[in-house]
């Protein structure tokens, strides 16, 4: 089918091709969001993690990002990586990005999927050649790529099919944010503010007033470090691998992982439902629940509750900003500070009676289970999208067939 679709240079489909704003991200929440290459390399943009930028009003207008814009990285190892802008907040884009505004001859979301195709990446590799030191490509060069462009209605149909899968993945991500916020709010209410228990009587403790029947202890009373080292030659290449680069900040849902086929050093084994805590630069706040069995970097601590009933209670503590601040304050090393389990285990906490911990667990476990289910569903949807994308762009599969397949998947 594609042999009857005309080849069109990307530049001919654009109303404008623009370089971004040269500035540094602000450490304060002043100005618009400042989109950088690092914000687009791991899939959909999470605008909450994009920093702000101080910029004058005229420049905001010039570099403003709108719904339907496309941005492409033009330098570094990720040259050619792109993102489709959908429902952005007030935001501008950095100088190492190029913005494309697609004209009326093409559907912008269809073009965004074409920029993830083998055709586009083969072109980018050819443009870059052997530039391993610092790959880069100009906006003019990147937009000379020739893309197969079907009729506009078919473009929109293809974009709709692939977009439906991506939209569900994004919905799962937002749902997980909500579930995590619920878990954090419940933990704070129960075990920090002690709101449900103040009427049962309070008594003094080294950590301040606590409900009667509770006790002061340490994290090591209720949790252990699971130290299961394994040599790379004993790891199946298909084993899921989680490194610090896979762990998002301030998010217990670990939705990304690689595989062990290229590992060269010792790792730690972890089990589904155990906790992973990034001990290198702990202020990055990389803490999450393992969504599957696998191996992880030795810069990650594997932690598990001593009793299953303490799952939610332990998770609430080790993922809290207070605990992360404690580990950061005690970390050693100037350039690459690390925390350790010995210090973490000494963190003082107020321990509730066992039945209360079990009651909290009954609330938290379903939330954590739902987060993990959403992560696995999103991986399945992404796999389906990645399978359909080249087939739809080549015309190998009919739009109606792909549409039915995608509808069943979501």
Foldseek 3Di string as FASTA:
>chain_A
DLVPFDWDFQVVQFPDKAFFDADDFDPDQDAAFEAEPVQQPPHAGDSVPGGHTDDDPVNLVVFWDDQLKKKAFFKFPRGLRMDGDHPDDSYGYHRRIMITHGDDQERSLLVNLQSVDPQLVVQQCVVQPPPNVMTGDDSVSSRRRIAGGDGHVLSVLLSVLLVVLVVLLVVLVVLLVVLVVVLLVVLCCCFPVVPVQVVQDWDQDPVGIDHPQWAKDFQLVWKDWQAAKDALVPFDQAFWEDEPVQFQALHQQRLDTDTSNPDHGMWGWAAAQWKKQQFKQLLSLGIYGHLGTGTYHPSIITMDTPDLLQSSVSSNQCSDPVLSVQQNVPFDDDPTTGGDVVSRRGHMGIGHPSVVSNVSCVVSVVSNVSSSVSSVLSVVSVVLSVVVSVCSSSVVDDSVVSNVVSVVSD
